[in-house]
Amino acid sequence: MDDLLAALSLYGNPKLIKMETGWWCFIESADQDVGAKLTIGSEIRHTHPAHAISECLQRVEASGLPKHPPSGFIPLQRLRT
């Protein structure tokens, strides 16, 4: 489950919720420049949290949503030789 959440977190901040009907996982992406907000999520009736996360990840990857670097990521600078 940790690996799935880590993979999903490359696209934003995933949310995992236990509802009366089952587990639900979703991620929201916003584009402030155009005023758009996109929510991609799993179905709400999963009996195991890993199934909800996996389905959400599959849908996010299929959507073409770009990956973002993890929080606190510092890119390495190349040295010229």
Protein backbone atom coordinates (compact mmCIF):
# COMPACT_ATOMS: atom_id res chain seq x y z
CA MET A 1 0.00 0.00 0.00
CA ASP A 2 2.85 2.38 0.80
CA ASP A 3 4.34 1.92 -2.68
CA LEU A 4 0.99 2.64 -4.33
CA LEU A 5 0.48 5.80 -2.28
CA ALA A 6 4.04 6.92 -3.03
CA ALA A 7 3.45 6.44 -6.77
CA LEU A 8 0.14 8.30 -6.59
CA SER A 9 1.69 11.15 -4.62
CA LEU A 10 3.89 11.98 -7.63
CA TYR A 11 0.72 13.42 -9.19
CA GLY A 12 -0.39 15.43 -6.14
CA ASN A 13 -1.82 14.76 -2.69
CA PRO A 14 -3.91 11.58 -2.65
CA LYS A 15 -6.75 11.16 -0.20
CA LEU A 16 -7.87 7.77 1.16
CA ILE A 17 -11.23 7.68 2.94
CA LYS A 18 -13.18 4.88 4.62
CA MET A 19 -16.87 5.50 3.93
CA GLU A 20 -19.92 3.49 4.94
CA THR A 21 -19.95 1.92 1.47
CA GLY A 22 -16.23 1.09 1.39
CA TRP A 23 -12.81 2.59 0.68
CA TRP A 24 -12.38 5.52 -1.70
CA CYS A 25 -9.17 7.10 -2.99
CA PHE A 26 -8.94 10.29 -5.03
CA ILE A 27 -6.58 13.03 -6.12
CA GLU A 28 -7.33 16.61 -7.11
CA SER A 29 -5.39 18.66 -9.62
CA ALA A 30 -5.91 22.37 -10.17
CA ASP A 31 -4.75 24.71 -12.91
CA GLN A 32 -4.97 28.21 -11.47
CA ASP A 33 -4.15 29.83 -14.83
CA VAL A 34 -7.34 28.56 -16.48
CA GLY A 35 -9.45 28.18 -13.34
CA ALA A 36 -9.94 24.42 -13.74
CA LYS A 37 -10.04 21.70 -11.11
CA LEU A 38 -9.92 17.98 -11.91
CA THR A 39 -10.76 15.17 -9.50
CA ILE A 40 -9.78 11.61 -10.38
CA GLY A 41 -10.81 8.83 -8.05
CA SER A 42 -11.63 5.20 -7.55
CA GLU A 43 -15.06 3.72 -7.10
CA ILE A 44 -16.41 4.11 -3.55
CA ARG A 45 -17.20 0.47 -2.77
CA HIS A 46 -13.74 -1.13 -2.33
CA THR A 47 -13.41 -3.63 0.51
CA HIS A 48 -9.64 -3.10 0.85
CA PRO A 49 -7.80 0.27 0.79
CA ALA A 50 -5.07 -1.03 -1.55
CA HIS A 51 -7.69 -1.81 -4.20
CA ALA A 52 -9.01 1.76 -4.05
CA ILE A 53 -5.50 3.23 -4.30
CA SER A 54 -4.57 0.93 -7.20
CA GLU A 55 -7.69 1.82 -9.18
CA CYS A 56 -7.13 5.54 -8.57
CA LEU A 57 -3.50 5.26 -9.72
CA GLN A 58 -4.55 3.42 -12.90
CA ARG A 59 -7.09 6.14 -13.70
CA VAL A 60 -4.61 8.96 -13.01
CA GLU A 61 -1.99 7.34 -15.26
CA ALA A 62 -4.57 6.84 -18.02
CA SER A 63 -5.64 10.49 -17.78
CA GLY A 64 -2.21 11.78 -18.80
CA LEU A 65 -1.93 14.00 -15.72
CA PRO A 66 1.73 15.05 -15.46
CA LYS A 67 3.90 13.92 -12.58
CA HIS A 68 5.25 16.52 -10.17
CA PRO A 69 8.48 16.25 -8.18
CA PRO A 70 8.00 15.24 -4.52
CA SER A 71 7.75 18.01 -1.94
CA GLY A 72 11.20 19.24 -0.93
CA PHE A 73 12.78 17.84 -4.10
CA ILE A 74 15.97 19.63 -5.10
CA PRO A 75 17.14 18.89 -8.62
CA LEU A 76 20.79 18.03 -9.06
CA GLN A 77 22.84 20.49 -11.04
CA ARG A 78 25.18 19.08 -13.64
CA LEU A 79 28.77 20.15 -13.58
CA ARG A 80 30.30 21.19 -16.86
CA THR A 81 33.52 19.45 -17.79
